[in-house]
Amino acid sequence: MVRIGAFLVGLFFAGWLLISFLVGAVAYVSEPPAKTVEHEFHKHPKDVDFSFNGPFGKFDQAQLQRGFQVFKEVCSACHSLKFVAFRDLKGLGYNEAEIKAIAKQWAIKTPDVDPKTGEASSREPVPADYFPKPFANNVAAAAANNNAIPPDLSLMTKARHDGSAYVYSLLTGFQKQPEELLKHFPDAKTPEGLHYNPYFANLNLAMAPPLTADGQVTYGDGTKATVDQMAKDVSAFLTWTAEPKLENRRRAGLATIVFLLIATALAYMSYQNIWADKKKAA
């Protein structure tokens, strides 16, 4: 009796689910959801060829240093790198003296406390310090940036799908809003103070185009600083800040695969050797 009751209850719920699915499917086909402007005009990141792409890719130190220069001269005025310390720049090929000089000359000072008075003060950064934030707090950041708080960029390329290409596409993707967009979505005009960019999730962002002209920075290695080049370089640098051990991780993964292949081969040969007599006897 209990089994019959349980069967009927299960049958009832299974039938209810089937009816709900059929009703939903009919509603979706007869009245499909309206397409949004984001669905129609948002673009996936561009295809970009970085030296670190692929399982055997490696960082180009010269490009990382150029990217750091772009971050220092363009991005650091608004964005922070709170998970990166000055001493980490050793990974970019800078020596100890160069890192000390970079920290000392950094435009933003490190918050500190006056040991005599106990009052808030600031000092020149040292290599052990993390990159100081450009704003004292989120209120100050929003007040200086059209009520938008510039995100920290330490892990940005890991926080976005295809992060390196996303950053590059975003930096090179600012453009005039397409007439076709306004024709089909007249209410989607970019609000005053925002900037149209099809690579941003909602198409409009508060950040103005940061890379506006060739030669905005002057590279010490003679590389021509076009907007495209600067965007690639700073995207590579931000990939490094998010994954400074990328090359070590890939080497470890490759070594693990080789080990597993060898171990599998040895295990198979051992199996054949141990059971060979048994199979013949059988």
Protein backbone atom coordinates (compact mmCIF):
# COMPACT_ATOMS: atom_id res chain seq x y z
CA MET A 1 0.00 0.00 0.00
CA VAL A 2 2.86 2.35 0.89
CA ARG A 3 4.64 1.57 -2.36
CA ILE A 4 1.51 2.30 -4.37
CA GLY A 5 1.08 5.64 -2.56
CA ALA A 6 4.72 6.58 -3.17
CA PHE A 7 4.38 5.65 -6.84
CA LEU A 8 1.28 7.84 -7.23
CA VAL A 9 2.97 10.80 -5.50
CA GLY A 10 6.04 10.44 -7.72
CA LEU A 11 3.83 10.14 -10.78
CA PHE A 12 1.97 13.31 -9.78
CA PHE A 13 5.18 15.36 -9.43
CA ALA A 14 6.67 13.96 -12.64
CA GLY A 15 3.48 14.82 -14.52
CA TRP A 16 3.40 18.28 -13.00
CA LEU A 17 6.98 18.93 -14.08
CA LEU A 18 6.21 17.70 -17.59
CA ILE A 19 3.16 19.96 -17.87
CA SER A 20 5.17 22.96 -16.57
CA PHE A 21 7.92 22.29 -19.09
CA LEU A 22 5.44 22.04 -21.99
CA VAL A 23 3.64 25.23 -20.93
CA GLY A 24 6.94 27.09 -20.65
CA ALA A 25 8.16 25.80 -24.02
CA VAL A 26 4.93 26.85 -25.75
CA ALA A 27 5.09 30.30 -24.13
CA TYR A 28 8.72 30.72 -25.21
CA VAL A 29 7.94 29.78 -28.81
CA SER A 30 4.71 31.80 -29.09
CA GLU A 31 6.02 34.86 -27.24
CA PRO A 32 9.83 34.85 -27.31
CA PRO A 33 11.55 37.25 -24.88
CA ALA A 34 12.25 40.69 -26.29
CA LYS A 35 15.85 41.20 -27.41
CA THR A 36 17.81 43.73 -25.41
CA VAL A 37 20.28 46.27 -26.73
CA GLU A 38 23.05 44.49 -24.83
CA HIS A 39 22.15 41.18 -26.45
CA GLU A 40 22.22 42.71 -29.92
CA PHE A 41 25.25 45.01 -29.75
CA HIS A 42 27.61 43.61 -27.11
CA LYS A 43 30.74 42.15 -28.69
CA HIS A 44 33.10 39.43 -27.55
CA PRO A 45 36.77 40.38 -27.06
CA LYS A 46 38.92 40.67 -30.16
CA ASP A 47 41.43 38.01 -31.09
CA VAL A 48 44.81 39.22 -29.84
CA ASP A 49 48.15 37.47 -30.25
CA PHE A 50 50.06 37.62 -26.94
CA SER A 51 53.39 35.94 -26.33
CA PHE A 52 51.92 34.13 -23.30
CA ASN A 53 48.99 32.59 -25.18
CA GLY A 54 48.88 28.80 -25.39
CA PRO A 55 50.27 26.10 -23.10
CA PHE A 56 53.90 26.96 -23.95
CA GLY A 57 53.53 30.74 -24.04
CA LYS A 58 55.86 32.97 -22.04
CA PHE A 59 55.78 36.57 -20.89
CA ASP A 60 57.78 39.07 -22.92
CA GLN A 61 59.64 41.06 -20.21
CA ALA A 62 60.17 44.05 -22.49
CA GLN A 63 56.44 44.19 -23.15
CA LEU A 64 55.68 43.85 -19.43
CA GLN A 65 57.96 46.80 -18.67
CA ARG A 66 56.28 48.86 -21.37
CA GLY A 67 52.89 47.87 -19.96
CA PHE A 68 53.99 48.91 -16.49
CA GLN A 69 55.01 52.27 -17.91
CA VAL A 70 51.56 52.72 -19.45
CA PHE A 71 49.94 51.79 -16.14
CA LYS A 72 52.21 54.19 -14.26
CA GLU A 73 51.70 57.15 -16.59
CA VAL A 74 48.06 56.63 -17.59
CA CYS A 75 46.11 54.16 -15.43
CA SER A 76 47.50 54.72 -11.93
CA ALA A 77 45.82 58.11 -11.63
CA CYS A 78 42.49 56.32 -11.09
CA HIS A 79 43.13 52.58 -10.67
CA SER A 80 44.93 50.73 -7.90
CA LEU A 81 47.01 47.53 -7.73
CA LYS A 82 46.36 46.61 -4.13
CA PHE A 83 47.64 43.03 -4.43
CA VAL A 84 50.96 43.97 -6.05
CA ALA A 85 54.01 45.17 -4.10
CA PHE A 86 56.82 47.24 -5.57
CA ARG A 87 59.25 44.39 -4.88
CA ASP A 88 57.17 42.16 -7.15
CA LEU A 89 58.49 44.23 -10.07
CA LYS A 90 61.56 41.99 -9.87
CA GLY A 91 59.50 39.63 -12.00
CA LEU A 92 59.56 42.24 -14.76
CA GLY A 93 63.36 42.25 -14.81
CA TYR A 94 64.01 45.30 -12.62
CA ASN A 95 66.92 45.08 -10.18
CA GLU A 96 66.82 46.09 -6.52
CA ALA A 97 68.11 49.62 -7.09
CA GLU A 98 65.61 50.24 -9.89
CA ILE A 99 62.74 49.00 -7.71
CA LYS A 100 63.79 51.30 -4.86
CA ALA A 101 63.89 54.22 -7.27
CA ILE A 102 60.47 53.37 -8.72
CA ALA A 103 58.96 53.17 -5.22
CA LYS A 104 60.59 56.39 -4.08
CA GLN A 105 59.47 58.34 -7.15
CA TRP A 106 55.91 56.98 -7.17
CA ALA A 107 53.52 59.92 -7.40
CA ILE A 108 51.11 58.58 -4.76
CA LYS A 109 52.46 58.33 -1.25
CA THR A 110 51.85 55.50 1.20
CA PRO A 111 49.45 56.27 4.08
CA ASP A 112 51.16 56.21 7.45
CA VAL A 113 50.81 57.40 11.03
CA ASP A 114 53.02 60.06 12.58
CA PRO A 115 54.73 58.24 15.49
CA LYS A 116 54.97 61.45 17.48
CA THR A 117 51.43 62.76 17.17
CA GLY A 118 49.51 59.64 16.12
CA GLU A 119 47.90 61.59 13.32
CA ALA A 120 47.51 60.31 9.77
CA SER A 121 50.38 61.15 7.49
CA SER A 122 52.07 59.77 4.38
CA ARG A 123 55.56 58.75 3.33
CA GLU A 124 57.49 57.69 0.29
CA PRO A 125 56.79 54.04 -0.59
CA VAL A 126 59.48 51.39 -0.11
CA PRO A 127 59.87 48.13 -2.07
CA ALA A 128 57.96 46.16 0.58
CA ASP A 129 54.88 48.39 0.23
CA TYR A 130 51.94 47.51 -1.97
CA PHE A 131 51.07 50.06 -4.63
CA PRO A 132 49.19 52.84 -2.78
CA LYS A 133 45.61 53.53 -3.77
CA PRO A 134 45.03 56.75 -5.74
CA PHE A 135 42.06 57.73 -3.56
CA ALA A 136 41.69 57.77 0.22
CA ASN A 137 38.36 55.91 0.11
CA ASN A 138 35.47 54.95 -2.17
CA VAL A 139 33.62 58.22 -1.53
CA ALA A 140 36.58 60.22 -2.77
CA ALA A 141 37.00 57.85 -5.75
CA ALA A 142 33.35 58.21 -6.75
CA ALA A 143 33.40 61.98 -6.32
CA ALA A 144 36.34 62.26 -8.70
CA ASN A 145 34.97 59.87 -11.33
CA ASN A 146 31.39 60.77 -12.13
CA ASN A 147 30.04 58.65 -9.24
CA ALA A 148 31.81 55.52 -10.53
CA ILE A 149 34.50 53.84 -8.45
CA PRO A 150 37.46 52.77 -10.61
CA PRO A 151 38.05 49.06 -9.97
CA ASP A 152 41.30 47.64 -8.69
CA LEU A 153 43.20 46.12 -11.61
CA SER A 154 45.35 43.55 -9.78
CA LEU A 155 43.17 40.61 -10.78
CA MET A 156 41.10 42.17 -13.55
CA THR A 157 42.28 39.82 -16.30
CA LYS A 158 41.27 36.82 -14.17
CA ALA A 159 37.93 38.37 -13.26
CA ARG A 160 36.81 38.70 -16.88
CA HIS A 161 36.35 36.02 -19.52
CA ASP A 162 39.34 36.03 -21.88
CA GLY A 163 40.72 38.77 -19.62
CA SER A 164 43.81 39.85 -21.56
CA ALA A 165 41.85 40.26 -24.79
CA TYR A 166 39.00 41.89 -22.86
CA VAL A 167 41.25 44.63 -21.46
CA TYR A 168 42.79 45.21 -24.90
CA SER A 169 39.36 45.31 -26.58
CA LEU A 170 37.97 47.66 -23.96
CA LEU A 171 40.89 50.08 -24.34
CA THR A 172 40.62 50.12 -28.13
CA GLY A 173 36.84 49.77 -28.36
CA PHE A 174 35.56 53.27 -27.58
CA GLN A 175 33.49 54.52 -30.48
CA LYS A 176 30.48 56.56 -31.50
CA GLN A 177 27.16 54.90 -30.77
CA PRO A 178 25.94 53.17 -33.98
CA GLU A 179 22.96 54.74 -35.72
CA GLU A 180 21.48 51.27 -36.15
CA LEU A 181 21.41 50.90 -32.36
CA LEU A 182 19.51 54.15 -31.90
CA LYS A 183 17.17 53.20 -34.73
CA HIS A 184 16.10 49.95 -33.08
CA PHE A 185 16.57 51.03 -29.45
CA PRO A 186 15.89 54.79 -29.31
CA ASP A 187 15.76 54.71 -25.49
CA ALA A 188 19.26 53.25 -25.28
CA LYS A 189 21.14 56.45 -26.09
CA THR A 190 24.35 56.69 -24.10
CA PRO A 191 23.65 58.91 -21.07
CA GLU A 192 25.50 62.16 -20.56
CA GLY A 193 28.86 61.57 -18.92
CA LEU A 194 29.14 57.93 -20.05
CA HIS A 195 31.03 56.53 -23.03
CA TYR A 196 29.87 53.90 -25.54
CA ASN A 197 31.99 50.77 -25.77
CA PRO A 198 30.54 47.54 -27.25
CA TYR A 199 33.02 45.41 -25.30
CA PHE A 200 31.63 46.55 -21.95
CA ALA A 201 28.79 44.45 -20.57
CA ASN A 202 26.11 47.18 -20.60
CA LEU A 203 27.72 49.08 -23.49
CA ASN A 204 28.23 52.32 -21.53
CA LEU A 205 30.92 53.01 -18.97
CA ALA A 206 32.00 55.98 -16.94
CA MET A 207 35.67 55.74 -17.88
CA ALA A 208 36.64 58.04 -20.71
CA PRO A 209 39.02 56.62 -23.35
CA PRO A 210 42.36 56.51 -21.48
CA LEU A 211 44.52 55.95 -24.57
CA THR A 212 43.63 58.71 -26.97
CA ALA A 213 46.63 59.30 -29.23
CA ASP A 214 49.83 57.71 -30.47
CA GLY A 215 52.88 58.79 -28.48
CA GLN A 216 50.93 59.25 -25.24
CA VAL A 217 53.90 57.65 -23.50
CA THR A 218 57.49 57.48 -24.67
CA TYR A 219 59.00 54.02 -24.57
CA GLY A 220 62.64 53.76 -23.58
CA ASP A 221 63.28 50.76 -25.85
CA GLY A 222 62.30 52.68 -28.97
CA THR A 223 59.02 50.85 -29.57
CA LYS A 224 56.50 53.10 -31.30
CA ALA A 225 53.79 53.87 -28.75
CA THR A 226 50.67 53.58 -30.88
CA VAL A 227 47.31 53.27 -29.16
CA ASP A 228 47.16 49.64 -30.24
CA GLN A 229 50.66 48.94 -28.90
CA MET A 230 49.99 50.65 -25.57
CA ALA A 231 46.74 48.71 -25.17
CA LYS A 232 48.53 45.41 -25.85
CA ASP A 233 51.37 46.25 -23.48
CA VAL A 234 49.22 47.26 -20.53
CA SER A 235 46.96 44.23 -21.12
CA ALA A 236 50.04 41.99 -20.91
CA PHE A 237 51.18 43.77 -17.75
CA LEU A 238 47.78 43.30 -16.10
CA THR A 239 47.87 39.63 -17.07
CA TRP A 240 51.17 39.39 -15.22
CA THR A 241 49.75 41.15 -12.11
CA ALA A 242 46.92 38.60 -12.05
CA GLU A 243 49.12 35.57 -12.74
CA PRO A 244 52.76 36.35 -11.95
CA LYS A 245 53.50 32.62 -11.63
CA LEU A 246 51.85 31.72 -14.93
CA GLU A 247 55.00 30.23 -16.47
CA ASN A 248 55.84 28.22 -13.32
CA ARG A 249 52.29 26.85 -13.21
CA ARG A 250 52.47 25.74 -16.81
CA ARG A 251 55.88 24.11 -16.31
CA ALA A 252 54.51 22.25 -13.28
CA GLY A 253 51.49 21.13 -15.29
CA LEU A 254 53.67 19.87 -18.13
CA ALA A 255 55.95 18.00 -15.71
CA THR A 256 52.88 16.45 -14.05
CA ILE A 257 51.51 15.23 -17.39
CA VAL A 258 54.88 13.69 -18.32
CA PHE A 259 55.09 12.01 -14.90
CA LEU A 260 51.58 10.59 -15.22
CA LEU A 261 52.31 9.24 -18.71
CA ILE A 262 55.49 7.51 -17.53
CA ALA A 263 53.75 6.17 -14.40
CA THR A 264 50.88 4.86 -16.52
CA ALA A 265 53.30 3.09 -18.88
CA LEU A 266 55.21 1.53 -15.98
CA ALA A 267 51.99 0.41 -14.30
CA TYR A 268 50.79 -1.20 -17.52
CA MET A 269 54.09 -3.04 -18.06
CA SER A 270 54.03 -4.23 -14.43
CA TYR A 271 50.51 -5.50 -14.87
CA GLN A 272 51.51 -7.42 -17.98
CA ASN A 273 54.56 -8.91 -16.24
CA ILE A 274 52.77 -9.95 -13.03
CA TRP A 275 49.73 -11.51 -14.69
CA ALA A 276 51.46 -13.06 -17.71
CA ASP A 277 51.89 -16.50 -16.07
CA LYS A 278 48.38 -16.48 -14.68
CA LYS A 279 46.88 -15.84 -18.10
CA LYS A 280 48.93 -18.64 -19.66
CA ALA A 281 47.86 -21.03 -16.87
CA ALA A 282 44.23 -20.13 -17.42
